[in-house]
PDB file of N, CA and C in Angstrom:
ATOM      1  N   MET A   1      90.581 154.769  65.639  1.00  0.00           N
ATOM      2  CA  MET A   1      90.774 153.066  66.420  1.00  0.00           C
ATOM      3  C   MET A   1      92.568 153.186  66.852  1.00  0.00           C
ATOM      4  N   THR A   2      92.796 152.793  67.873  1.00  0.00           N
ATOM      5  CA  THR A   2      93.497 152.272  68.736  1.00  0.00           C
ATOM      6  C   THR A   2      94.166 150.873  69.112  1.00  0.00           C
ATOM      7  N   THR A   3      95.164 150.893  69.151  1.00  0.00           N
ATOM      8  CA  THR A   3      95.964 149.462  69.242  1.00  0.00           C
ATOM      9  C   THR A   3      96.301 150.115  70.981  1.00  0.00           C
ATOM     10  N   ALA A   4      96.811 148.752  71.374  1.00  0.00           N
ATOM     11  CA  ALA A   4      97.463 148.679  72.695  1.00  0.00           C
ATOM     12  C   ALA A   4      98.297 147.359  72.626  1.00  0.00           C
ATOM     13  N   THR A   5      99.866 147.727  72.793  1.00  0.00           N
ATOM     14  CA  THR A   5     100.720 146.523  72.878  1.00  0.00           C
ATOM     15  C   THR A   5     100.851 146.497  74.842  1.00  0.00           C
ATOM     16  N   LEU A   6     101.166 144.907  75.069  1.00  0.00           N
ATOM     17  CA  LEU A   6     101.721 144.494  76.347  1.00  0.00           C
ATOM     18  C   LEU A   6     103.145 144.535  75.843  1.00  0.00           C
ATOM     19  N   ARG A   7     103.878 145.043  76.603  1.00  0.00           N
ATOM     20  CA  ARG A   7     105.061 144.694  76.903  1.00  0.00           C
ATOM     21  C   ARG A   7     105.784 144.527  78.325  1.00  0.00           C
ATOM     22  N   MET A   8     106.495 142.535  78.113  1.00  0.00           N
ATOM     23  CA  MET A   8     106.734 142.294  79.460  1.00  0.00           C
ATOM     24  C   MET A   8     107.905 142.181  79.431  1.00  0.00           C
ATOM     25  N   PRO A   9     108.701 142.584  80.372  1.00  0.00           N
ATOM     26  CA  PRO A   9     109.929 142.474  81.003  1.00  0.00           C
ATOM     27  C   PRO A   9     110.495 140.681  80.875  1.00  0.00           C
ATOM     28  N   VAL A  10     109.486 140.123  81.472  1.00  0.00           N
ATOM     29  CA  VAL A  10     110.219 138.553  81.336  1.00  0.00           C
ATOM     30  C   VAL A  10     109.398 137.634  80.280  1.00  0.00           C
ATOM     31  N   SER A  11     110.027 136.739  79.421  1.00  0.00           N
ATOM     32  CA  SER A  11     108.947 135.947  78.838  1.00  0.00           C
ATOM     33  C   SER A  11     108.563 134.459  79.537  1.00  0.00           C
ATOM     34  N   LEU A  12     107.325 134.465  79.039  1.00  0.00           N
ATOM     35  CA  LEU A  12     106.711 133.600  79.177  1.00  0.00           C
ATOM     36  C   LEU A  12     106.988 132.242  79.917  1.00  0.00           C
ATOM     37  N   PRO A  13     106.707 131.166  80.376  1.00  0.00           N
ATOM     38  CA  PRO A  13     107.520 129.864  80.293  1.00  0.00           C
ATOM     39  C   PRO A  13     106.695 129.100  79.281  1.00  0.00           C
ATOM     40  N   GLU A  14     107.081 128.437  78.303  1.00  0.00           N
ATOM     41  CA  GLU A  14     106.451 127.612  77.540  1.00  0.00           C
ATOM     42  C   GLU A  14     105.619 126.953  77.417  1.00  0.00           C
ATOM     43  N   LYS A  15     105.770 126.136  78.985  1.00  0.00           N
ATOM     44  CA  LYS A  15     104.594 124.748  79.254  1.00  0.00           C
ATOM     45  C   LYS A  15     105.475 125.000  80.856  1.00  0.00           C
ATOM     46  N   ARG A  16     103.949 124.560  81.317  1.00  0.00           N
ATOM     47  CA  ARG A  16     103.516 124.530  82.856  1.00  0.00           C
ATOM     48  C   ARG A  16     104.316 123.252  83.192  1.00  0.00           C
ATOM     49  N   THR A  17     104.660 123.245  84.467  1.00  0.00           N
ATOM     50  CA  THR A  17     105.726 121.880  84.904  1.00  0.00           C
ATOM     51  C   THR A  17     103.960 120.892  85.566  1.00  0.00           C
ATOM     52  N   ALA A  18     104.852 119.962  85.973  1.00  0.00           N
ATOM     53  CA  ALA A  18     103.732 119.171  86.677  1.00  0.00           C
ATOM     54  C   ALA A  18     103.581 119.477  88.286  1.00  0.00           C
ATOM     55  N   LEU A  19     102.227 119.681  88.232  1.00  0.00           N
ATOM     56  CA  LEU A  19     102.233 120.243  89.777  1.00  0.00           C
ATOM     57  C   LEU A  19     101.841 118.987  90.501  1.00  0.00           C
ATOM     58  N   ALA A  20     102.067 118.830  92.086  1.00  0.00           N
ATOM     59  CA  ALA A  20     102.832 117.679  93.284  1.00  0.00           C
ATOM     60  C   ALA A  20     101.552 117.636  93.557  1.00  0.00           C
ATOM     61  N   PRO A  21     100.867 116.135  93.706  1.00  0.00           N
ATOM     62  CA  PRO A  21      99.135 116.091  94.134  1.00  0.00           C
ATOM     63  C   PRO A  21      99.096 117.205  95.593  1.00  0.00           C
ATOM     64  N   GLY A  22      97.877 117.337  95.338  1.00  0.00           N
ATOM     65  CA  GLY A  22      97.398 118.292  96.669  1.00  0.00           C
ATOM     66  C   GLY A  22      96.909 117.852  97.808  1.00  0.00           C
ATOM     67  N   PHE A  23      96.601 118.262  99.012  1.00  0.00           N
ATOM     68  CA  PHE A  23      96.453 117.585  99.994  1.00  0.00           C
ATOM     69  C   PHE A  23      95.242 116.315  99.767  1.00  0.00           C
ATOM     70  N   PHE A  24      94.011 116.676  98.862  1.00  0.00           N
ATOM     71  CA  PHE A  24      92.617 116.006  99.145  1.00  0.00           C
ATOM     72  C   PHE A  24      93.288 114.537  98.324  1.00  0.00           C
ATOM     73  N   ALA A  25      94.120 114.317  97.602  1.00  0.00           N
ATOM     74  CA  ALA A  25      94.810 113.358  96.587  1.00  0.00           C
ATOM     75  C   ALA A  25      95.774 112.848  97.247  1.00  0.00           C
ATOM     76  N   ARG A  26      96.417 113.381  98.559  1.00  0.00           N
ATOM     77  CA  ARG A  26      97.444 112.431  99.387  1.00  0.00           C
ATOM     78  C   ARG A  26      96.575 111.799 100.153  1.00  0.00           C
ATOM     79  N   LEU A  27      95.570 112.405 100.932  1.00  0.00           N
ATOM     80  CA  LEU A  27      94.714 112.290 101.887  1.00  0.00           C
ATOM     81  C   LEU A  27      93.773 111.029 101.042  1.00  0.00           C
ATOM     82  N   HIS A  28      93.570 110.937  99.989  1.00  0.00           N
ATOM     83  CA  HIS A  28      92.881 109.941  99.580  1.00  0.00           C
ATOM     84  C   HIS A  28      93.391 108.627  99.164  1.00  0.00           C
ATOM     85  N   ALA A  29      95.157 108.858  98.673  1.00  0.00           N
ATOM     86  CA  ALA A  29      95.957 108.037  98.429  1.00  0.00           C
ATOM     87  C   ALA A  29      96.607 107.225  99.854  1.00  0.00           C
ATOM     88  N   ALA A  30      96.219 108.001 100.597  1.00  0.00           N
ATOM     89  CA  ALA A  30      96.588 107.473 102.227  1.00  0.00           C
ATOM     90  C   ALA A  30      95.466 106.467 103.355  1.00  0.00           C
ATOM     91  N   PHE A  31      94.427 106.652 102.934  1.00  0.00           N
ATOM     92  CA  PHE A  31      93.332 105.933 103.020  1.00  0.00           C
ATOM     93  C   PHE A  31      93.088 105.008 102.231  1.00  0.00           C
ATOM     94  N   VAL A  32      93.398 104.350 100.820  1.00  0.00           N
ATOM     95  CA  VAL A  32      93.501 104.085 100.282  1.00  0.00           C
ATOM     96  C   VAL A  32      94.640 102.484 100.467  1.00  0.00           C
ATOM     97  N   ALA A  33      95.540 103.242 100.748  1.00  0.00           N
ATOM     98  CA  ALA A  33      96.687 101.998 100.912  1.00  0.00           C
ATOM     99  C   ALA A  33      96.538 101.609 102.898  1.00  0.00           C
ATOM    100  N   ALA A  34      95.934 102.501 103.595  1.00  0.00           N
ATOM    101  CA  ALA A  34      95.728 102.027 104.858  1.00  0.00           C
ATOM    102  C   ALA A  34      94.863 100.597 104.797  1.00  0.00           C
ATOM    103  N   ARG A  35      93.518 100.739 103.956  1.00  0.00           N
ATOM    104  CA  ARG A  35      92.482  99.866 103.564  1.00  0.00           C
ATOM    105  C   ARG A  35      93.368  98.865 102.918  1.00  0.00           C
ATOM    106  N   MET A  36      94.215  98.880 101.875  1.00  0.00           N
ATOM    107  CA  MET A  36      94.358  97.738 101.350  1.00  0.00           C
ATOM    108  C   MET A  36      95.766  96.923 102.603  1.00  0.00           C
ATOM    109  N   ARG A  37      96.423  97.454 103.391  1.00  0.00           N
ATOM    110  CA  ARG A  37      97.054  96.701 104.238  1.00  0.00           C
ATOM    111  C   ARG A  37      96.108  96.341 104.921  1.00  0.00           C
ATOM    112  N   THR A  38      95.132  96.702 105.455  1.00  0.00           N
ATOM    113  CA  THR A  38      93.820  96.123 106.377  1.00  0.00           C
ATOM    114  C   THR A  38      93.674  94.354 105.769  1.00  0.00           C
ATOM    115  N   ALA A  39      92.902  94.860 104.250  1.00  0.00           N
ATOM    116  CA  ALA A  39      92.936  93.763 103.471  1.00  0.00           C
ATOM    117  C   ALA A  39      93.977  92.570 103.602  1.00  0.00           C
ATOM    118  N   MET A  40      95.258  92.742 102.969  1.00  0.00           N
ATOM    119  CA  MET A  40      95.910  92.158 103.364  1.00  0.00           C
ATOM    120  C   MET A  40      96.171  91.080 104.650  1.00  0.00           C
ATOM    121  N   ARG A  41      96.383  92.173 105.549  1.00  0.00           N
ATOM    122  CA  ARG A  41      96.360  91.465 107.129  1.00  0.00           C
ATOM    123  C   ARG A  41      95.162  90.362 107.201  1.00  0.00           C
ATOM    124  N   GLU A  42      93.777  90.956 106.483  1.00  0.00           N
ATOM    125  CA  GLU A  42      92.921  89.628 106.870  1.00  0.00           C
ATOM    126  C   GLU A  42      92.853  88.561 106.198  1.00  0.00           C
ATOM    127  N   LEU A  43      93.225  88.393 104.990  1.00  0.00           N
ATOM    128  CA  LEU A  43      93.647  87.641 104.236  1.00  0.00           C
ATOM    129  C   LEU A  43      94.565  86.803 105.076  1.00  0.00           C
ATOM    130  N   ALA A  44      95.780  87.214 105.492  1.00  0.00           N
ATOM    131  CA  ALA A  44      96.912  86.475 105.790  1.00  0.00           C
ATOM    132  C   ALA A  44      96.260  86.145 107.209  1.00  0.00           C
ATOM    133  N   ARG A  45      95.630  86.616 107.703  1.00  0.00           N
ATOM    134  CA  ARG A  45      95.042  85.899 109.006  1.00  0.00           C
ATOM    135  C   ARG A  45      94.204  84.548 109.003  1.00  0.00           C
ATOM    136  N   HIS A  46      93.550  84.416 107.817  1.00  0.00           N
ATOM    137  CA  HIS A  46      92.571  83.509 107.349  1.00  0.00           C
ATOM    138  C   HIS A  46      93.136  82.425 106.383  1.00  0.00           C
ATOM    139  N   ARG A  47      94.493  82.829 105.595  1.00  0.00           N
ATOM    140  CA  ARG A  47      94.984  81.740 105.045  1.00  0.00           C
ATOM    141  C   ARG A  47      95.347  80.681 105.393  1.00  0.00           C
ATOM    142  N   HIS A  48      95.539  79.984 106.344  1.00  0.00           N
ATOM    143  CA  HIS A  48      96.147  78.854 107.204  1.00  0.00           C
ATOM    144  C   HIS A  48      94.654  77.875 106.622  1.00  0.00           C
ATOM    145  N   LEU A  49      93.482  78.532 106.718  1.00  0.00           N
ATOM    146  CA  LEU A  49      92.190  77.743 106.749  1.00  0.00           C
ATOM    147  C   LEU A  49      91.838  77.369 105.251  1.00  0.00           C
ATOM    148  N   ILE A  50      92.633  77.267 104.146  1.00  0.00           N
ATOM    149  CA  ILE A  50      92.101  76.759 102.909  1.00  0.00           C
ATOM    150  C   ILE A  50      93.797  76.018 102.804  1.00  0.00           C
ATOM    151  N   PRO A  51      93.814  74.389 102.517  1.00  0.00           N
ATOM    152  CA  PRO A  51      94.991  73.973 102.382  1.00  0.00           C
ATOM    153  C   PRO A  51      95.727  74.337 101.330  1.00  0.00           C
ATOM    154  N   ALA A  52      97.039  74.810 101.096  1.00  0.00           N
ATOM    155  CA  ALA A  52      97.611  75.348  99.731  1.00  0.00           C
ATOM    156  C   ALA A  52      97.587  74.611  98.338  1.00  0.00           C
ATOM    157  N   ASP A  53      97.430  73.238  98.678  1.00  0.00           N
ATOM    158  CA  ASP A  53      97.008  72.020  97.752  1.00  0.00           C
ATOM    159  C   ASP A  53      96.042  72.186  97.099  1.00  0.00           C
ATOM    160  N   VAL A  54      94.826  72.500  97.834  1.00  0.00           N
ATOM    161  CA  VAL A  54      93.437  73.089  97.056  1.00  0.00           C
ATOM    162  C   VAL A  54      93.267  74.635  96.486  1.00  0.00           C
ATOM    163  N   LEU A  55      93.886  75.504  96.477  1.00  0.00           N
ATOM    164  CA  LEU A  55      94.482  76.805  95.991  1.00  0.00           C
ATOM    165  C   LEU A  55      95.216  76.565  94.691  1.00  0.00           C
ATOM    166  N   LYS A  56      96.187  75.667  94.756  1.00  0.00           N
ATOM    167  CA  LYS A  56      96.916  75.398  93.659  1.00  0.00           C
ATOM    168  C   LYS A  56      96.353  74.668  92.304  1.00  0.00           C
ATOM    169  N   GLU A  57      95.711  73.530  92.944  1.00  0.00           N
ATOM    170  CA  GLU A  57      94.482  72.872  92.167  1.00  0.00           C
ATOM    171  C   GLU A  57      93.342  73.540  91.780  1.00  0.00           C
ATOM    172  N   ALA A  58      93.302  74.882  92.673  1.00  0.00           N
ATOM    173  CA  ALA A  58      92.320  75.988  92.005  1.00  0.00           C
ATOM    174  C   ALA A  58      92.277  76.686  90.762  1.00  0.00           C
ATOM    175  N   GLY A  59      93.808  76.677  90.971  1.00  0.00           N
ATOM    176  CA  GLY A  59      94.825  78.298  90.128  1.00  0.00           C
ATOM    177  C   GLY A  59      94.597  78.951  90.893  1.00  0.00           C
ATOM    178  N   TYR A  60      94.664  79.624  91.764  1.00  0.00           N
ATOM    179  CA  TYR A  60      95.315  80.459  92.325  1.00  0.00           C
ATOM    180  C   TYR A  60      96.295  80.371  93.503  1.00  0.00           C
ATOM    181  N   THR A  61      97.042  81.657  92.585  1.00  0.00           N
ATOM    182  CA  THR A  61      98.639  82.041  92.463  1.00  0.00           C
ATOM    183  C   THR A  61      98.405  83.235  92.801  1.00  0.00           C
ATOM    184  N   ALA A  62      97.902  83.961  93.556  1.00  0.00           N
ATOM    185  CA  ALA A  62      98.109  85.385  94.048  1.00  0.00           C
ATOM    186  C   ALA A  62      98.497  85.471  95.498  1.00  0.00           C
ATOM    187  N   THR A  63     100.004  86.325  95.634  1.00  0.00           N
ATOM    188  CA  THR A  63     100.524  86.646  96.809  1.00  0.00           C
ATOM    189  C   THR A  63     100.480  87.816  96.625  1.00  0.00           C
ATOM    190  N   PRO A  64     101.184  88.438  97.864  1.00  0.00           N
ATOM    191  CA  PRO A  64     101.237  89.869  97.962  1.00  0.00           C
ATOM    192  C   PRO A  64     102.318  90.884  96.995  1.00  0.00           C
ATOM    193  N   GLU A  65     103.394  89.341  96.401  1.00  0.00           N
ATOM    194  CA  GLU A  65     104.013  90.161  95.473  1.00  0.00           C
ATOM    195  C   GLU A  65     103.692  90.080  94.015  1.00  0.00           C
ATOM    196  N   ASN A  66     102.688  89.104  93.756  1.00  0.00           N
ATOM    197  CA  ASN A  66     102.001  89.550  92.823  1.00  0.00           C
ATOM    198  C   ASN A  66     100.639  90.037  92.477  1.00  0.00           C
ATOM    199  N   ASN A  67     100.330  90.269  93.147  1.00  0.00           N
ATOM    200  CA  ASN A  67      99.038  91.257  93.140  1.00  0.00           C
ATOM    201  C   ASN A  67      97.926  90.323  94.000  1.00  0.00           C
ATOM    202  N   TYR A  68      96.982  90.545  94.372  1.00  0.00           N
ATOM    203  CA  TYR A  68      95.585  90.138  95.112  1.00  0.00           C
ATOM    204  C   TYR A  68      94.638  90.529  93.711  1.00  0.00           C
ATOM    205  N   PRO A  69      93.560  89.863  93.696  1.00  0.00           N
ATOM    206  CA  PRO A  69      92.585  89.727  92.174  1.00  0.00           C
ATOM    207  C   PRO A  69      91.670  91.736  92.827  1.00  0.00           C
ATOM    208  N   PHE A  70      91.836  92.075  93.797  1.00  0.00           N
ATOM    209  CA  PHE A  70      91.207  93.545  94.002  1.00  0.00           C
ATOM    210  C   PHE A  70      91.986  94.512  93.748  1.00  0.00           C
ATOM    211  N   THR A  71      93.308  94.256  93.529  1.00  0.00           N
ATOM    212  CA  THR A  71      94.170  95.695  93.205  1.00  0.00           C
ATOM    213  C   THR A  71      94.200  95.443  91.833  1.00  0.00           C
ATOM    214  N   ARG A  72      94.799  97.430  91.377  1.00  0.00           N
ATOM    215  CA  ARG A  72      94.583  97.810  89.774  1.00  0.00           C
ATOM    216  C   ARG A  72      95.983  97.315  89.069  1.00  0.00           C
TER     217      ARG A  72
END
């Protein structure tokens, strides 16, 4: 019976470092950001159709700073 040992001149790293997002992940994030900007533009274009006091009575307090209902 034989035994083989492996001798490495450099030790292996203890843990793996976090990888940067890949091409498709960045592409998807760019598409999501573009669609979000488009949605915000559309909402801003039609915001004048509803009076501010009606929105306040309905409890609608969403602004771009505190996020719209469809954001995560």
